[in-house]
Amino acid sequence: MATIHAIPLAKILGRAEKTKFTYLKGFGQNVEFGYYAWLVQDGDHNILVDAGATAVQAVESWGRPPDTVQHVQTLQEGLAAHGLTVDDIDIVILTHLHMDHVAYIHDLKRARKIVQRIEWEFGSKPQPIDKYYDHTFIAGLEFEQIEGDRRITENVGVLFTPGHTPGGQSVWVRGPRGVGIITGFCCIQENFGSCPCGSPEHDLTIPGIHQNSMDAYNSMVKVWQAADFIVANHDAKYITESEVA
């Protein structure tokens, strides 16, 4: 079985921004969220899900007010807490190519880097209107481009979950609590409502930032049905609760 550890990198206060996560809900409400990488360990494999970003990059790349961002730790510091360095990471799974999920990717020189082909094609030459992409962060790197659902290691695999982006992928991890899924679309726990995973009824709210609303909804249902528990990839609770499963 595999384990999941959150590596929080930055804490963000979104002033009146909650609806960026909860589509058409929470207008005018503040929301706290995090930038993360996720350490997944499966046997001899040290896997990172996403490569995070820094508080400084949130200001410099996206113009966030400096008083709304808080540095938590560097990726290197987060890995050191688990006795690891960037050179110990042998696989990186990028859920998508928005800046806040890829900024440390050049530091992971030895890792096999996995992304969905359609995400790579869009992210390497993004439409100018989509400011969440910055192709300079991934320039000059080789990526393993896959298509659709795929098992990566014995207890880790990906589900193709487009909608938030053209080629998003969520990561399933089989561990002590069952199958946990780290979402490949930007959300907080509130997006999934209060019903248990897999139940016939659900109260799902798609991400406020999406390229295709129907795909975003179908991807959420796919994750909902496959998971025993869900790790919402921007939820603020993991800033202090790093042991996920």
Protein backbone atom coordinates (compact mmCIF):
# COMPACT_ATOMS: atom_id res chain seq x y z
CA MET A 1 0.00 0.00 0.00
CA ALA A 2 1.03 3.59 -0.63
CA THR A 3 0.99 6.70 1.57
CA ILE A 4 0.17 10.36 0.88
CA HIS A 5 1.84 13.33 2.56
CA ALA A 6 0.99 16.96 1.83
CA ILE A 7 3.90 19.33 1.29
CA PRO A 8 2.42 22.80 1.77
CA LEU A 9 4.41 25.55 0.08
CA ALA A 10 2.32 28.71 0.34
CA LYS A 11 -0.84 29.90 2.05
CA ILE A 12 -3.09 32.25 0.08
CA LEU A 13 -5.96 34.48 1.13
CA GLY A 14 -8.33 35.06 -1.77
CA ARG A 15 -10.24 38.23 -1.00
CA ALA A 16 -13.81 37.86 -2.27
CA GLU A 17 -12.55 34.95 -4.45
CA LYS A 18 -14.40 31.91 -3.15
CA THR A 19 -16.40 31.52 -6.34
CA LYS A 20 -13.17 30.80 -8.24
CA PHE A 21 -13.39 27.40 -6.54
CA THR A 22 -17.15 26.98 -6.08
CA TYR A 23 -18.80 27.88 -9.37
CA LEU A 24 -21.62 30.43 -8.94
CA LYS A 25 -21.46 30.04 -5.15
CA GLY A 26 -19.74 32.20 -2.56
CA PHE A 27 -19.69 35.52 -4.39
CA GLY A 28 -17.91 38.17 -2.34
CA GLN A 29 -16.63 35.66 0.22
CA ASN A 30 -13.01 35.23 1.21
CA VAL A 31 -11.31 31.86 0.85
CA GLU A 32 -8.05 30.50 2.22
CA PHE A 33 -6.23 27.92 0.15
CA GLY A 34 -2.80 26.43 -0.36
CA TYR A 35 -0.18 25.70 -2.98
CA TYR A 36 1.06 22.14 -2.56
CA ALA A 37 3.12 19.28 -3.81
CA TRP A 38 2.05 15.80 -2.67
CA LEU A 39 4.54 13.12 -1.70
CA VAL A 40 3.27 9.63 -2.49
CA GLN A 41 5.43 6.68 -1.45
CA ASP A 42 4.74 3.28 -2.94
CA GLY A 43 7.36 0.66 -2.12
CA ASP A 44 10.68 1.92 -3.49
CA HIS A 45 9.01 4.74 -5.44
CA ASN A 46 9.07 8.33 -4.23
CA ILE A 47 6.43 10.11 -6.30
CA LEU A 48 5.48 13.77 -6.37
CA VAL A 49 2.04 14.77 -7.50
CA ASP A 50 2.51 18.30 -8.83
CA ALA A 51 5.50 20.56 -8.37
CA GLY A 52 3.88 23.47 -6.59
CA ALA A 53 4.79 27.15 -6.54
CA THR A 54 6.02 29.79 -4.13
CA ALA A 55 4.38 32.79 -2.49
CA VAL A 56 6.75 35.04 -4.42
CA GLN A 57 5.63 33.51 -7.72
CA ALA A 58 2.00 34.12 -6.79
CA VAL A 59 2.85 37.81 -6.54
CA GLU A 60 5.18 38.07 -9.51
CA SER A 61 3.29 35.87 -11.98
CA TRP A 62 -0.31 36.63 -11.06
CA GLY A 63 -0.14 39.98 -9.31
CA ARG A 64 -1.48 38.82 -5.97
CA PRO A 65 -1.23 41.50 -3.25
CA PRO A 66 1.84 40.64 -1.13
CA ASP A 67 -0.16 40.84 2.10
CA THR A 68 -2.41 37.97 0.93
CA VAL A 69 0.37 35.40 0.42
CA GLN A 70 2.40 33.63 3.06
CA HIS A 71 5.50 31.50 2.52
CA VAL A 72 5.26 28.12 4.25
CA GLN A 73 8.35 26.25 3.08
CA THR A 74 10.35 25.40 -0.02
CA LEU A 75 9.88 22.08 -1.77
CA GLN A 76 13.38 21.11 -0.67
CA GLU A 77 12.50 21.82 2.97
CA GLY A 78 9.28 19.86 2.67
CA LEU A 79 11.07 16.83 1.26
CA ALA A 80 13.82 17.07 3.89
CA ALA A 81 11.16 16.60 6.58
CA HIS A 82 10.70 13.11 5.10
CA GLY A 83 14.42 12.44 4.78
CA LEU A 84 14.42 13.06 1.03
CA THR A 85 15.98 15.40 -1.51
CA VAL A 86 14.77 16.36 -4.98
CA ASP A 87 17.12 13.73 -6.40
CA ASP A 88 15.25 11.00 -4.50
CA ILE A 89 12.06 11.69 -6.47
CA ASP A 90 11.81 9.18 -9.32
CA ILE A 91 8.35 10.07 -10.68
CA VAL A 92 6.48 13.36 -10.97
CA ILE A 93 2.83 13.28 -12.02
CA LEU A 94 1.60 16.69 -13.11
CA THR A 95 -2.16 16.95 -12.76
CA HIS A 96 -2.14 19.91 -15.15
CA LEU A 97 0.22 22.67 -16.25
CA HIS A 98 -1.01 25.78 -14.48
CA MET A 99 1.90 27.70 -12.99
CA ASP A 100 1.04 26.88 -9.37
CA HIS A 101 1.37 23.16 -10.12
CA VAL A 102 4.66 23.14 -12.05
CA ALA A 103 6.97 25.84 -10.72
CA TYR A 104 9.55 23.51 -9.10
CA ILE A 105 9.65 21.07 -12.01
CA HIS A 106 13.16 22.06 -13.17
CA ASP A 107 14.55 21.07 -9.75
CA LEU A 108 13.36 17.49 -10.22
CA LYS A 109 16.05 16.56 -12.69
CA ARG A 110 16.11 12.79 -12.18
CA ALA A 111 12.38 12.21 -12.18
CA ARG A 112 10.24 10.70 -14.88
CA LYS A 113 7.71 13.45 -15.63
CA ILE A 114 4.19 12.37 -16.59
CA VAL A 115 1.48 14.54 -18.13
CA GLN A 116 -1.54 13.95 -20.35
CA ARG A 117 -0.72 14.49 -24.02
CA ILE A 118 -3.58 16.92 -24.63
CA GLU A 119 -2.51 18.97 -21.60
CA TRP A 120 1.04 19.16 -22.91
CA GLU A 121 -0.14 20.23 -26.34
CA PHE A 122 -2.24 23.05 -24.88
CA GLY A 123 0.10 24.04 -22.07
CA SER A 124 3.18 24.33 -24.25
CA LYS A 125 1.34 26.74 -26.56
CA PRO A 126 -1.53 28.11 -24.46
CA GLN A 127 -4.15 30.51 -25.71
CA PRO A 128 -3.12 34.06 -24.72
CA ILE A 129 -6.40 34.54 -22.85
CA ASP A 130 -5.51 31.79 -20.35
CA LYS A 131 -3.14 33.49 -17.93
CA TYR A 132 -2.86 30.49 -15.63
CA TYR A 133 -0.37 28.88 -18.00
CA ASP A 134 3.24 30.00 -18.36
CA HIS A 135 5.08 27.76 -20.80
CA THR A 136 8.47 29.07 -19.65
CA PHE A 137 8.18 26.92 -16.52
CA ILE A 138 8.13 23.72 -18.60
CA ALA A 139 10.38 24.80 -21.48
CA GLY A 140 13.31 22.54 -22.30
CA LEU A 141 12.06 19.53 -20.36
CA GLU A 142 11.11 16.08 -21.63
CA PHE A 143 7.74 14.73 -20.52
CA GLU A 144 6.20 11.31 -20.81
CA GLN A 145 2.92 12.11 -22.53
CA ILE A 146 0.14 9.63 -21.82
CA GLU A 147 -3.47 9.35 -22.92
CA GLY A 148 -6.35 8.52 -20.60
CA ASP A 149 -6.43 6.42 -17.44
CA ARG A 150 -3.17 4.68 -16.57
CA ARG A 151 -1.63 2.68 -13.75
CA ILE A 152 1.77 4.14 -12.84
CA THR A 153 2.99 1.87 -10.02
CA GLU A 154 1.41 -1.03 -8.15
CA ASN A 155 -0.71 1.23 -5.94
CA VAL A 156 -0.78 4.50 -7.87
CA GLY A 157 -2.48 5.51 -11.12
CA VAL A 158 -4.17 8.38 -12.92
CA LEU A 159 -7.70 9.12 -14.05
CA PHE A 160 -8.23 11.43 -17.01
CA THR A 161 -10.32 14.29 -15.61
CA PRO A 162 -10.60 17.19 -18.08
CA GLY A 163 -12.76 20.26 -17.69
CA HIS A 164 -10.77 22.53 -15.42
CA THR A 165 -8.09 22.23 -18.11
CA PRO A 166 -8.09 20.31 -21.41
CA GLY A 167 -5.98 17.44 -20.11
CA GLY A 168 -6.27 17.32 -16.35
CA GLN A 169 -5.56 14.07 -14.57
CA SER A 170 -6.35 13.05 -11.00
CA VAL A 171 -4.17 10.62 -9.08
CA TRP A 172 -5.51 7.60 -7.22
CA VAL A 173 -3.52 6.07 -4.39
CA ARG A 174 -4.35 2.75 -2.77
CA GLY A 175 -3.40 2.94 0.90
CA PRO A 176 -4.44 2.17 4.47
CA ARG A 177 -7.69 4.17 4.17
CA GLY A 178 -8.66 2.66 0.83
CA VAL A 179 -8.42 4.53 -2.46
CA GLY A 180 -7.67 8.21 -2.06
CA ILE A 181 -7.79 10.51 -5.07
CA ILE A 182 -5.80 13.73 -5.32
CA THR A 183 -7.88 15.91 -7.59
CA GLY A 184 -6.45 17.11 -10.88
CA PHE A 185 -8.80 20.08 -10.94
CA CYS A 186 -8.49 23.04 -8.59
CA CYS A 187 -10.97 22.74 -5.76
CA ILE A 188 -11.54 22.83 -2.02
CA GLN A 189 -13.36 20.24 0.06
CA GLU A 190 -16.58 22.22 -0.16
CA ASN A 191 -16.80 21.39 -3.87
CA PHE A 192 -17.74 17.83 -2.88
CA GLY A 193 -20.52 18.64 -0.43
CA SER A 194 -21.30 16.42 2.55
CA CYS A 195 -22.42 13.10 1.04
CA PRO A 196 -20.07 10.09 1.40
CA CYS A 197 -17.95 9.21 -1.63
CA GLY A 198 -19.69 6.88 -4.04
CA SER A 199 -23.15 7.40 -2.61
CA PRO A 200 -26.09 7.52 -5.05
CA GLU A 201 -26.73 11.14 -4.10
CA HIS A 202 -24.17 13.90 -4.16
CA ASP A 203 -23.91 17.67 -4.05
CA LEU A 204 -21.01 18.48 -6.36
CA THR A 205 -19.98 22.00 -7.32
CA ILE A 206 -17.62 22.32 -10.26
CA PRO A 207 -14.51 24.52 -10.08
CA GLY A 208 -15.17 28.16 -10.82
CA ILE A 209 -12.19 28.13 -13.18
CA HIS A 210 -12.91 25.73 -16.02
CA GLN A 211 -12.65 25.44 -19.78
CA ASN A 212 -15.61 23.10 -20.19
CA SER A 213 -18.32 22.97 -17.53
CA MET A 214 -19.83 19.65 -18.62
CA ASP A 215 -16.44 17.94 -18.68
CA ALA A 216 -15.67 19.46 -15.28
CA TYR A 217 -18.85 18.00 -13.82
CA ASN A 218 -18.34 14.57 -15.38
CA SER A 219 -14.77 14.49 -14.07
CA MET A 220 -15.97 15.26 -10.57
CA VAL A 221 -18.50 12.43 -10.78
CA LYS A 222 -15.76 10.08 -12.02
CA VAL A 223 -13.57 10.92 -9.03
CA TRP A 224 -16.53 10.75 -6.65
CA GLN A 225 -17.46 7.26 -7.78
CA ALA A 226 -13.91 5.88 -7.74
CA ALA A 227 -12.69 7.23 -4.39
CA ASP A 228 -13.00 6.11 -0.80
CA PHE A 229 -11.81 9.60 0.14
CA ILE A 230 -10.89 12.71 -1.83
CA VAL A 231 -7.94 15.04 -1.40
CA ALA A 232 -9.10 18.44 -2.67
CA ASN A 233 -5.87 19.82 -4.05
CA HIS A 234 -6.12 23.41 -2.80
CA ASP A 235 -7.95 22.91 0.49
CA ALA A 236 -6.37 24.94 3.30
CA LYS A 237 -6.55 22.17 5.88
CA TYR A 238 -3.47 20.44 4.47
CA ILE A 239 -1.30 23.41 5.42
CA THR A 240 -1.38 22.03 8.97
CA GLU A 241 -2.53 18.43 8.37
CA SER A 242 0.28 17.03 6.28
CA GLU A 243 -0.28 13.33 7.00
CA VAL A 244 -3.10 12.52 4.60
CA ALA A 245 -3.11 8.73 4.48
